[in-house]
Amino acid sequence: MDDSIDRIQQIFTMPIFNIGSNQFSLKSIASIAFLFVITFILARLVSQIIKRSILATLRLDRGLQEAITSIINYLLLTLGVIIVLQTAGINLSSITVVAGVLGIGLGFGLQNLASNFISGLVILFEQKIRVGDYVEINGLLGTVEKISIRSTIIRTNDDVFVIVPNLRFIENDTINWSYGGHRCRIFVPVGVAYGTDPLLLTEALLAAARSESRVLSNPPPEVWFDSFGESSLKFKLLVWVDKPHNSDPIKSGLNFLIEYELRHRGIEIPFPQLDLRLRNMESINNLLHRQNVAEISHESDTNGSRQDRKKPQPKPFADRTLPNLLRRVTYFEKCTDNELLALITNGYRKTFAPDIIVCQEDEPSDCFYIILSGSVEVISRRVEKSIATLHEGDFFGEVSLLTGTPRTATVQTLTETILFVVDRLQLQRLLFNHKNLAEQIAIQLSERQQILISMGLLNEEDLKKSGETALMWVRRRLNLIFGVPLGKG
């Protein structure tokens, strides 16, 4: 029995190979392996403690916390390996020589592993891709859950975890939707029948976009005329969202809203169409003529007169469309379709409950309003008197906005009211891009000279002294407020 134990001890203590002047047996190798395991556990434990106790209190974002934790873990692991090797009496210069020799033989076999290792270090240190980012690589969309030294784990929208080698992020074009912010643009294609009014369609698509709560209002939604298709006019609705991982549900919500808006306005989504050409039209016409004569004779015999079988025509959409309402506004009644399209694109709808104050007297004017539905009351707080009641198609707040003066009255809703709102920034952009529209507004505003005088903006004696007309004064005022240079005459 003792002989067997001695033999086993001799086997474990028997030198197997030498590195420099050091001899290594199974016992020493097992000891070094055990120390390596302890080093790995300690490095992992210390890095997690630092993450939870220090990094979490600094309120760093998730990606930066994970990157710092991984770097600390690898540094501690490297330091621990060096200490273990030094404790075992291994000369690191000897290890370098051996590693160089093995590297020549194993380089080709392990080149992918080495490439992924180096790519992992690049990803961790560059911080272009971090844990929590929403990325797209070769059609794979998902959230980065973990970045290790060899691979990265991505969780897809279907909650599937995919292990991606780090080299793919370096070699391929990677889209990081979260880099520099969490905002991205979504395209929703829409095809409508030929003959559809582009203004009416633009209003419908923008109304759908602004009804979706997950769509950002700034930058505002846009509508692009994409192309002339074989069976339809092709448009695109462009919206911005700040949750790229929800892009598919947002698209679905937009499609539901678009379908409702198109159906509500009587806009047709066409089926594919083919043109059919017939030969020998004279023979066909003669045949149809004889058949019609026979049918008329038969109906005269039975009913005494021919029944009117005309198919009822669909009712046109009401005159409450936004383009028609805008043309009822004095300043926009001579607008072209393109100018109305720009105005619709730059404005937005807003719903107010009853008894809500829309704007206060003496407040700065930052937008003007057109009533799409409902009614409002205009009140003068100075005399505590109701001045007017405005209804659908009426507008207010335009003079204060155009002249840069405070509100002259308070406006409060009487019923649930939907307003079309054009704010100062959007109006400035509109006037700058459409000089003809700016000139029309200047002319219309100058014709309301008495209102400008009552507001204390114009003085007839000052105009006579300066030789300036009301139109020249309005042009100068618009240039001062909005930076829109207009004519001198």
Protein backbone atom coordinates (compact mmCIF):
# COMPACT_ATOMS: atom_id res chain seq x y z
CA MET A 1 0.00 0.00 0.00
CA ASP A 2 2.79 2.38 0.91
CA ASP A 3 4.60 1.43 -2.29
CA SER A 4 1.54 2.40 -4.33
CA ILE A 5 1.29 5.78 -2.62
CA ASP A 6 4.99 6.38 -3.18
CA ARG A 7 4.63 5.51 -6.85
CA ILE A 8 1.70 7.89 -7.24
CA GLN A 9 3.67 10.64 -5.53
CA GLN A 10 6.62 9.94 -7.81
CA ILE A 11 4.33 10.20 -10.86
CA PHE A 12 2.95 13.58 -9.73
CA THR A 13 6.39 14.93 -8.78
CA MET A 14 8.24 13.53 -11.75
CA PRO A 15 9.55 16.34 -14.03
CA ILE A 16 7.74 16.41 -17.36
CA PHE A 17 9.38 19.38 -19.12
CA ASN A 18 11.67 22.27 -18.42
CA ILE A 19 11.24 25.97 -19.09
CA GLY A 20 14.58 27.67 -18.60
CA SER A 21 16.01 26.32 -15.34
CA ASN A 22 12.59 25.36 -13.94
CA GLN A 23 11.26 21.81 -13.99
CA PHE A 24 7.49 21.21 -14.13
CA SER A 25 5.61 18.16 -12.92
CA LEU A 26 1.91 17.26 -12.81
CA LYS A 27 1.74 18.64 -9.28
CA SER A 28 3.22 22.01 -10.19
CA ILE A 29 1.02 22.25 -13.31
CA ALA A 30 -2.08 21.51 -11.21
CA SER A 31 -1.04 24.17 -8.70
CA ILE A 32 -0.56 26.75 -11.44
CA ALA A 33 -3.92 25.83 -13.01
CA PHE A 34 -5.63 26.20 -9.62
CA LEU A 35 -4.04 29.64 -9.17
CA PHE A 36 -5.22 30.63 -12.65
CA VAL A 37 -8.81 29.68 -11.73
CA ILE A 38 -8.58 31.67 -8.48
CA THR A 39 -7.14 34.63 -10.44
CA PHE A 40 -10.03 34.48 -12.95
CA ILE A 41 -12.66 34.37 -10.18
CA LEU A 42 -11.05 37.20 -8.22
CA ALA A 43 -10.70 39.40 -11.31
CA ARG A 44 -14.38 38.85 -12.19
CA LEU A 45 -15.47 39.46 -8.59
CA VAL A 46 -13.44 42.66 -8.14
CA SER A 47 -14.61 44.13 -11.46
CA GLN A 48 -18.27 43.47 -10.57
CA ILE A 49 -17.80 45.05 -7.13
CA ILE A 50 -16.30 48.15 -8.76
CA LYS A 51 -19.20 48.27 -11.21
CA ARG A 52 -21.91 48.04 -8.53
CA SER A 53 -20.33 50.13 -5.80
CA ILE A 54 -18.52 52.86 -7.78
CA LEU A 55 -19.69 53.04 -11.40
CA ALA A 56 -23.37 52.73 -10.49
CA THR A 57 -23.13 55.65 -8.04
CA LEU A 58 -21.55 57.82 -10.75
CA ARG A 59 -24.74 57.33 -12.83
CA LEU A 60 -22.84 56.51 -15.99
CA ASP A 61 -24.83 55.06 -18.87
CA ARG A 62 -25.06 51.32 -19.19
CA GLY A 63 -22.69 51.00 -22.15
CA LEU A 64 -19.88 52.94 -20.48
CA GLN A 65 -20.27 50.95 -17.25
CA GLU A 66 -19.99 47.64 -19.10
CA ALA A 67 -16.95 48.81 -21.09
CA ILE A 68 -15.07 50.00 -17.99
CA THR A 69 -15.97 46.78 -16.15
CA SER A 70 -14.67 44.62 -19.02
CA ILE A 71 -11.42 46.58 -19.27
CA ILE A 72 -10.81 46.34 -15.50
CA ASN A 73 -11.56 42.61 -15.60
CA TYR A 74 -9.05 41.96 -18.38
CA LEU A 75 -6.38 44.13 -16.74
CA LEU A 76 -6.76 42.33 -13.40
CA LEU A 77 -6.71 38.98 -15.17
CA THR A 78 -3.52 39.86 -17.07
CA LEU A 79 -1.86 41.14 -13.88
CA GLY A 80 -2.92 38.02 -11.99
CA VAL A 81 -1.50 35.70 -14.67
CA ILE A 82 1.83 37.54 -14.57
CA ILE A 83 1.97 37.26 -10.76
CA VAL A 84 1.14 33.54 -10.86
CA LEU A 85 3.84 32.87 -13.45
CA GLN A 86 6.40 34.87 -11.49
CA THR A 87 5.45 33.04 -8.28
CA ALA A 88 5.92 29.73 -10.04
CA GLY A 89 9.46 30.81 -10.93
CA ILE A 90 8.82 31.06 -14.65
CA ASN A 91 11.02 33.56 -16.47
CA LEU A 92 8.73 35.62 -18.67
CA SER A 93 11.47 36.09 -21.23
CA SER A 94 11.50 32.33 -21.69
CA ILE A 95 7.73 32.37 -22.13
CA THR A 96 8.13 35.06 -24.78
CA VAL A 97 10.53 32.90 -26.76
CA VAL A 98 8.27 29.87 -26.49
CA ALA A 99 5.23 31.95 -27.44
CA GLY A 100 7.09 33.30 -30.46
CA VAL A 101 7.94 29.81 -31.63
CA LEU A 102 4.40 28.53 -31.04
CA GLY A 103 2.98 31.64 -32.69
CA ILE A 104 4.69 30.80 -35.97
CA GLY A 105 3.16 27.34 -35.97
CA LEU A 106 -0.29 28.24 -34.67
CA GLY A 107 -0.67 31.68 -36.26
CA PHE A 108 -2.52 30.46 -39.31
CA GLY A 109 -4.77 28.16 -37.31
CA LEU A 110 -5.68 30.79 -34.70
CA GLN A 111 -5.75 33.89 -36.89
CA ASN A 112 -9.57 34.27 -36.66
CA LEU A 113 -9.43 33.96 -32.88
CA ALA A 114 -6.64 36.55 -32.70
CA SER A 115 -8.53 38.88 -35.06
CA ASN A 116 -11.67 38.66 -32.92
CA PHE A 117 -9.59 39.26 -29.80
CA ILE A 118 -8.00 42.41 -31.23
CA SER A 119 -11.38 43.56 -32.61
CA GLY A 120 -12.88 43.14 -29.16
CA LEU A 121 -10.18 45.38 -27.67
CA VAL A 122 -10.81 47.98 -30.40
CA ILE A 123 -14.57 47.96 -29.70
CA LEU A 124 -14.04 48.30 -25.94
CA PHE A 125 -11.54 51.14 -26.17
CA GLU A 126 -13.07 53.11 -29.07
CA GLN A 127 -16.58 53.01 -27.56
CA LYS A 128 -18.24 53.29 -30.99
CA ILE A 129 -20.46 50.35 -30.00
CA ARG A 130 -21.55 49.98 -26.39
CA VAL A 131 -23.84 47.78 -24.34
CA GLY A 132 -27.43 49.00 -24.73
CA ASP A 133 -26.93 50.39 -28.25
CA TYR A 134 -29.39 49.48 -30.98
CA VAL A 135 -27.34 48.28 -33.96
CA GLU A 136 -27.81 46.81 -37.43
CA ILE A 137 -25.18 44.61 -39.09
CA ASN A 138 -25.79 42.64 -42.31
CA GLY A 139 -29.56 42.82 -41.82
CA LEU A 140 -29.39 41.78 -38.15
CA LEU A 141 -31.18 44.29 -35.91
CA GLY A 142 -30.96 44.21 -32.13
CA THR A 143 -29.71 45.60 -28.85
CA VAL A 144 -26.13 44.96 -27.68
CA GLU A 145 -26.36 43.00 -24.42
CA LYS A 146 -22.72 42.11 -23.79
CA ILE A 147 -19.31 42.78 -25.35
CA SER A 148 -16.64 40.19 -24.54
CA ILE A 149 -13.10 39.87 -25.76
CA ARG A 150 -14.05 37.47 -28.58
CA SER A 151 -17.70 38.08 -29.42
CA THR A 152 -20.69 40.35 -28.85
CA ILE A 153 -24.17 39.21 -27.83
CA ILE A 154 -27.10 40.93 -29.59
CA ARG A 155 -30.72 40.55 -28.53
CA THR A 156 -33.04 40.85 -31.54
CA ASN A 157 -36.56 42.34 -31.56
CA ASP A 158 -37.87 38.77 -31.28
CA ASP A 159 -35.94 38.36 -27.99
CA VAL A 160 -33.44 35.97 -29.62
CA PHE A 161 -29.81 36.22 -28.50
CA VAL A 162 -27.27 36.09 -31.33
CA ILE A 163 -23.52 35.68 -30.76
CA VAL A 164 -21.63 37.79 -33.31
CA PRO A 165 -17.82 37.57 -33.68
CA ASN A 166 -16.22 40.95 -33.00
CA LEU A 167 -14.40 40.92 -36.33
CA ARG A 168 -17.70 41.37 -38.17
CA PHE A 169 -18.20 44.78 -36.53
CA ILE A 170 -14.78 45.91 -37.77
CA GLU A 171 -14.92 44.47 -41.30
CA ASN A 172 -18.58 45.24 -42.18
CA ASP A 173 -20.60 48.42 -42.30
CA THR A 174 -22.37 48.60 -38.96
CA ILE A 175 -25.26 50.97 -38.31
CA ASN A 176 -25.42 52.14 -34.70
CA TRP A 177 -28.82 53.78 -34.33
CA SER A 178 -27.92 54.90 -30.80
CA TYR A 179 -24.60 56.57 -31.64
CA GLY A 180 -24.77 60.32 -31.02
CA GLY A 181 -28.41 60.07 -29.95
CA HIS A 182 -31.41 57.78 -30.16
CA ARG A 183 -33.25 59.42 -33.08
CA CYS A 184 -33.88 57.89 -36.48
CA ARG A 185 -36.20 58.47 -39.45
CA ILE A 186 -38.84 56.04 -40.66
CA PHE A 187 -40.13 55.85 -44.25
CA VAL A 188 -43.72 54.71 -44.85
CA PRO A 189 -44.57 54.20 -48.55
CA VAL A 190 -48.10 55.02 -49.74
CA GLY A 191 -49.63 54.51 -53.19
CA VAL A 192 -52.81 56.36 -54.28
CA ALA A 193 -54.89 56.48 -57.43
CA TYR A 194 -54.04 58.81 -60.31
CA GLY A 195 -56.09 61.98 -60.06
CA THR A 196 -55.71 62.25 -56.27
CA ASP A 197 -55.15 65.81 -55.05
CA PRO A 198 -51.59 65.95 -53.61
CA LEU A 199 -52.68 68.63 -51.12
CA LEU A 200 -55.48 66.45 -49.79
CA LEU A 201 -53.15 63.45 -49.54
CA THR A 202 -50.44 65.48 -47.78
CA GLU A 203 -52.99 66.66 -45.23
CA ALA A 204 -54.11 63.06 -44.63
CA LEU A 205 -50.59 61.69 -44.19
CA LEU A 206 -49.50 64.51 -41.86
CA ALA A 207 -52.68 64.10 -39.82
CA ALA A 208 -51.87 60.39 -39.42
CA ALA A 209 -48.28 61.16 -38.40
CA ARG A 210 -49.33 63.71 -35.78
CA SER A 211 -51.91 61.30 -34.37
CA GLU A 212 -49.18 58.77 -33.55
CA SER A 213 -47.87 59.69 -30.09
CA ARG A 214 -44.50 57.97 -30.63
CA VAL A 215 -43.64 60.21 -33.61
CA LEU A 216 -41.54 63.28 -32.78
CA SER A 217 -42.98 66.69 -33.59
CA ASN A 218 -39.50 68.16 -34.10
CA PRO A 219 -38.14 67.55 -36.70
CA PRO A 220 -41.64 67.67 -38.19
CA PRO A 221 -43.06 64.89 -40.40
CA GLU A 222 -42.62 65.31 -44.15
CA VAL A 223 -44.32 63.97 -47.28
CA TRP A 224 -42.28 63.21 -50.40
CA PHE A 225 -43.65 62.57 -53.90
CA ASP A 226 -41.59 59.52 -54.74
CA SER A 227 -42.50 58.55 -58.31
CA PHE A 228 -45.19 57.85 -60.92
CA GLY A 229 -45.96 54.14 -60.64
CA GLU A 230 -47.62 51.85 -63.15
CA SER A 231 -50.95 51.95 -61.31
CA SER A 232 -50.53 54.62 -58.65
CA LEU A 233 -48.87 57.82 -57.53
CA LYS A 234 -46.20 56.83 -55.02
CA PHE A 235 -45.57 58.96 -51.94
CA LYS A 236 -43.49 58.55 -48.79
CA LEU A 237 -44.31 59.67 -45.28
CA LEU A 238 -41.13 60.50 -43.34
CA VAL A 239 -41.27 60.70 -39.55
CA TRP A 240 -38.67 60.87 -36.78
CA VAL A 241 -38.72 58.63 -33.70
CA ASP A 242 -36.48 58.41 -30.64
CA LYS A 243 -36.96 54.68 -30.06
CA PRO A 244 -35.43 52.89 -33.07
CA HIS A 245 -36.10 49.45 -31.58
CA ASN A 246 -39.85 50.23 -31.81
CA SER A 247 -39.71 51.20 -35.49
CA ASP A 248 -41.78 48.21 -36.66
CA PRO A 249 -44.64 48.76 -34.16
CA ILE A 250 -44.61 52.48 -34.99
CA LYS A 251 -44.85 51.69 -38.73
CA SER A 252 -47.80 49.40 -38.01
CA GLY A 253 -49.53 52.14 -36.01
CA LEU A 254 -48.93 54.65 -38.79
CA ASN A 255 -50.36 52.29 -41.41
CA PHE A 256 -53.56 51.89 -39.36
CA LEU A 257 -53.88 55.68 -39.03
CA ILE A 258 -53.11 56.28 -42.72
CA GLU A 259 -55.76 53.78 -43.79
CA TYR A 260 -58.33 55.57 -41.62
CA GLU A 261 -57.39 59.03 -42.91
CA LEU A 262 -57.50 57.93 -46.56
CA ARG A 263 -60.86 56.20 -46.10
CA HIS A 264 -62.23 59.23 -44.22
CA ARG A 265 -61.27 61.55 -47.09
CA GLY A 266 -62.37 59.22 -49.88
CA ILE A 267 -58.83 58.77 -51.23
CA GLU A 268 -58.54 55.57 -53.25
CA ILE A 269 -55.72 53.03 -52.93
CA PRO A 270 -55.74 51.46 -56.41
CA PHE A 271 -55.38 47.87 -57.50
CA PRO A 272 -52.81 47.05 -60.20
CA GLN A 273 -54.20 48.14 -63.59
CA LEU A 274 -53.70 46.90 -67.16
CA ASP A 275 -54.69 48.61 -70.42
CA LEU A 276 -56.70 46.32 -72.77
CA ARG A 277 -56.69 47.10 -76.52
CA LEU A 278 -59.39 45.59 -78.72
CA ARG A 279 -59.23 45.04 -82.51
CA ASN A 280 -62.17 45.15 -84.96
CA MET A 281 -63.92 47.82 -82.92
CA GLU A 282 -66.54 48.41 -85.71
CA SER A 283 -67.81 44.86 -85.44
CA ILE A 284 -67.97 45.06 -81.65
CA ASN A 285 -69.80 48.43 -81.78
CA ASN A 286 -72.36 47.08 -84.25
CA LEU A 287 -72.93 44.05 -82.05
CA LEU A 288 -73.39 46.19 -78.94
CA HIS A 289 -75.70 48.57 -80.81
CA ARG A 290 -78.03 45.73 -81.89
CA GLN A 291 -78.03 44.35 -78.32
CA ASN A 292 -78.92 47.77 -76.87
CA VAL A 293 -81.80 48.20 -79.36
CA ALA A 294 -83.18 44.80 -78.38
CA GLU A 295 -82.95 45.63 -74.65
CA ILE A 296 -84.70 48.99 -75.14
CA SER A 297 -87.54 47.37 -77.08
CA HIS A 298 -87.96 44.70 -74.40
CA GLU A 299 -88.05 47.28 -71.59
CA SER A 300 -90.55 49.45 -73.50
CA ASP A 301 -92.89 46.50 -73.83
CA THR A 302 -92.72 45.53 -70.16
CA ASN A 303 -92.29 48.82 -68.27
CA GLY A 304 -93.25 51.46 -70.81
CA SER A 305 -90.02 53.34 -70.17
CA ARG A 306 -86.37 52.62 -69.64
CA GLN A 307 -85.20 52.43 -66.01
CA ASP A 308 -82.40 54.73 -64.98
CA ARG A 309 -79.56 52.45 -63.95
CA LYS A 310 -76.85 54.94 -63.32
CA LYS A 311 -74.51 53.97 -60.55
CA PRO A 312 -74.61 56.50 -57.69
CA GLN A 313 -71.50 58.60 -57.55
CA PRO A 314 -69.55 58.74 -54.30
CA LYS A 315 -70.01 61.94 -52.38
CA PRO A 316 -67.05 64.27 -52.60
CA PHE A 317 -65.12 65.09 -49.44
CA ALA A 318 -66.51 68.14 -47.65
CA ASP A 319 -65.18 71.62 -48.15
CA ARG A 320 -63.64 71.41 -44.67
CA THR A 321 -60.33 70.22 -46.11
CA LEU A 322 -57.31 72.09 -44.84
CA PRO A 323 -56.41 73.63 -48.25
CA ASN A 324 -59.94 75.09 -48.57
CA LEU A 325 -59.86 76.40 -45.01
CA LEU A 326 -56.45 77.98 -45.59
CA ARG A 327 -57.72 79.72 -48.72
CA ARG A 328 -60.46 81.29 -46.61
CA VAL A 329 -57.73 83.10 -44.68
CA THR A 330 -57.17 86.52 -46.21
CA TYR A 331 -53.40 86.15 -46.39
CA PHE A 332 -53.49 82.80 -48.19
CA GLU A 333 -56.45 83.17 -50.56
CA LYS A 334 -54.16 83.68 -53.58
CA CYS A 335 -51.65 80.96 -52.66
CA THR A 336 -50.59 78.43 -55.25
CA ASP A 337 -50.91 74.71 -54.55
CA ASN A 338 -47.17 74.49 -53.86
CA GLU A 339 -47.35 77.33 -51.33
CA LEU A 340 -50.33 75.72 -49.61
CA LEU A 341 -48.45 72.43 -49.54
CA ALA A 342 -45.51 74.14 -47.83
CA LEU A 343 -47.87 75.79 -45.33
CA ILE A 344 -49.59 72.49 -44.51
CA THR A 345 -46.22 70.79 -44.07
CA ASN A 346 -44.95 73.49 -41.70
CA GLY A 347 -48.04 73.58 -39.48
CA TYR A 348 -49.62 71.06 -37.13
CA ARG A 349 -52.98 70.25 -35.54
CA LYS A 350 -53.67 70.67 -31.83
CA THR A 351 -56.81 69.69 -29.89
CA PHE A 352 -58.09 71.78 -26.98
CA ALA A 353 -60.74 70.76 -24.45
CA PRO A 354 -63.60 73.18 -23.60
CA ASP A 355 -62.81 76.21 -21.41
CA ILE A 356 -59.07 76.11 -22.13
CA ILE A 357 -57.16 79.35 -22.70
CA VAL A 358 -55.32 79.17 -26.03
CA CYS A 359 -53.39 82.43 -25.65
CA GLN A 360 -53.29 85.24 -23.07
CA GLU A 361 -53.56 88.97 -23.55
CA ASP A 362 -50.18 90.83 -23.43
CA GLU A 363 -48.23 87.57 -23.85
CA PRO A 364 -45.57 87.34 -26.60
CA SER A 365 -47.03 86.04 -29.85
CA ASP A 366 -45.33 82.87 -31.05
CA CYS A 367 -47.94 81.39 -33.43
CA PHE A 368 -51.25 81.96 -35.14
CA TYR A 369 -54.28 79.66 -35.36
CA ILE A 370 -56.92 78.50 -37.82
CA ILE A 371 -60.06 76.86 -36.39
CA LEU A 372 -60.65 73.47 -38.03
CA SER A 373 -63.55 72.52 -35.77
CA GLY A 374 -65.22 73.88 -32.64
CA SER A 375 -65.45 77.50 -31.47
CA VAL A 376 -63.53 80.01 -29.36
CA GLU A 377 -64.31 83.27 -27.59
CA VAL A 378 -62.11 86.38 -27.91
CA ILE A 379 -62.03 88.32 -24.62
CA SER A 380 -60.50 91.67 -23.69
CA ARG A 381 -59.24 91.48 -20.10
CA ARG A 382 -58.75 95.23 -19.94
CA VAL A 383 -62.44 95.98 -20.27
CA GLU A 384 -63.63 92.49 -19.16
CA LYS A 385 -65.71 92.15 -22.29
CA SER A 386 -66.27 89.49 -24.93
CA ILE A 387 -65.20 90.85 -28.29
CA ALA A 388 -66.19 88.06 -30.67
CA THR A 389 -66.96 84.37 -31.08
CA LEU A 390 -65.01 82.56 -33.80
CA HIS A 391 -66.03 79.31 -35.49
CA GLU A 392 -64.74 76.79 -38.01
CA GLY A 393 -62.68 78.44 -40.75
CA ASP A 394 -61.97 81.59 -38.72
CA PHE A 395 -58.43 82.51 -37.70
CA PHE A 396 -56.73 84.62 -35.05
CA GLY A 397 -53.32 85.70 -33.76
CA GLU A 398 -51.84 86.44 -37.18
CA VAL A 399 -51.39 90.21 -36.79
CA SER A 400 -49.46 89.94 -33.51
CA LEU A 401 -47.24 87.20 -34.95
CA LEU A 402 -46.51 89.05 -38.20
CA THR A 403 -45.82 92.38 -36.52
CA GLY A 404 -43.96 91.00 -33.49
CA THR A 405 -46.28 92.57 -30.92
CA PRO A 406 -47.88 91.06 -27.77
CA ARG A 407 -51.34 89.51 -27.90
CA THR A 408 -54.13 92.10 -27.86
CA ALA A 409 -56.79 89.73 -26.44
CA THR A 410 -57.29 86.43 -24.64
CA VAL A 411 -58.75 83.50 -26.58
CA GLN A 412 -60.59 80.69 -24.79
CA THR A 413 -62.28 77.59 -26.21
CA LEU A 414 -66.04 77.20 -25.87
CA THR A 415 -66.23 73.59 -27.06
CA GLU A 416 -63.70 70.93 -27.91
CA THR A 417 -61.69 72.66 -30.62
CA ILE A 418 -59.13 71.53 -33.17
CA LEU A 419 -56.74 74.26 -34.29
CA PHE A 420 -54.21 74.34 -37.09
CA VAL A 421 -51.11 75.99 -35.64
CA VAL A 422 -48.25 77.72 -37.45
CA ASP A 423 -45.48 78.81 -35.07
CA ARG A 424 -42.92 81.57 -35.56
CA LEU A 425 -40.01 79.33 -36.57
CA GLN A 426 -42.04 77.43 -39.17
CA LEU A 427 -43.54 80.67 -40.53
CA GLN A 428 -40.06 82.19 -40.84
CA ARG A 429 -38.87 79.16 -42.80
CA LEU A 430 -41.99 79.30 -44.98
CA LEU A 431 -41.66 83.01 -45.79
CA PHE A 432 -37.94 82.73 -46.48
CA ASN A 433 -38.44 79.86 -48.95
CA HIS A 434 -41.53 81.38 -50.61
CA LYS A 435 -40.91 85.07 -51.28
CA ASN A 436 -44.13 85.41 -53.32
CA LEU A 437 -46.17 84.24 -50.34
CA ALA A 438 -44.32 86.72 -48.11
CA GLU A 439 -45.16 89.51 -50.55
CA GLN A 440 -48.86 88.51 -50.61
CA ILE A 441 -48.96 88.56 -46.82
CA ALA A 442 -47.30 91.98 -46.78
CA ILE A 443 -49.89 93.36 -49.22
CA GLN A 444 -52.84 91.91 -47.28
CA LEU A 445 -51.46 93.16 -43.95
CA SER A 446 -50.85 96.68 -45.32
CA GLU A 447 -54.51 96.84 -46.42
CA ARG A 448 -55.51 96.45 -42.75
CA GLN A 449 -53.98 99.83 -41.99
CA GLN A 450 -56.65 100.83 -39.48
CA ILE A 451 -55.93 97.76 -37.34
CA LEU A 452 -52.22 98.60 -37.34
CA ILE A 453 -53.01 102.18 -36.34
CA SER A 454 -55.34 101.04 -33.53
CA MET A 455 -52.55 98.80 -32.21
CA GLY A 456 -50.22 101.80 -32.10
CA LEU A 457 -47.88 100.35 -34.70
CA LEU A 458 -48.58 102.84 -37.45
CA ASN A 459 -48.87 106.62 -37.34
CA GLU A 460 -50.23 108.40 -40.38
CA GLU A 461 -48.28 111.61 -39.66
CA ASP A 462 -45.02 109.67 -39.33
CA LEU A 463 -45.73 107.93 -42.63
CA LYS A 464 -46.32 111.28 -44.36
CA LYS A 465 -43.13 112.77 -42.95
CA SER A 466 -41.02 109.81 -43.98
CA GLY A 467 -42.70 109.47 -47.36
CA GLU A 468 -43.22 105.79 -46.61
CA THR A 469 -46.36 103.87 -47.54
CA ALA A 470 -48.05 101.29 -45.31
CA LEU A 471 -46.84 98.51 -47.63
CA MET A 472 -43.23 99.71 -47.36
CA TRP A 473 -43.56 99.80 -43.56
CA VAL A 474 -44.96 96.24 -43.46
CA ARG A 475 -42.16 94.95 -45.72
CA ARG A 476 -39.56 96.54 -43.48
CA ARG A 477 -41.27 95.06 -40.41
CA LEU A 478 -41.33 91.54 -41.88
CA ASN A 479 -37.67 91.87 -42.82
CA LEU A 480 -36.84 92.97 -39.26
CA ILE A 481 -38.79 90.16 -37.55
CA PHE A 482 -38.32 87.24 -39.94
CA GLY A 483 -35.28 88.26 -41.94
CA VAL A 484 -37.21 88.16 -45.23
CA PRO A 485 -36.05 90.81 -47.72
CA LEU A 486 -38.96 92.08 -49.82
CA GLY A 487 -39.45 94.65 -52.56
CA LYS A 488 -38.86 98.36 -52.03
CA GLY A 489 -41.91 99.72 -53.83
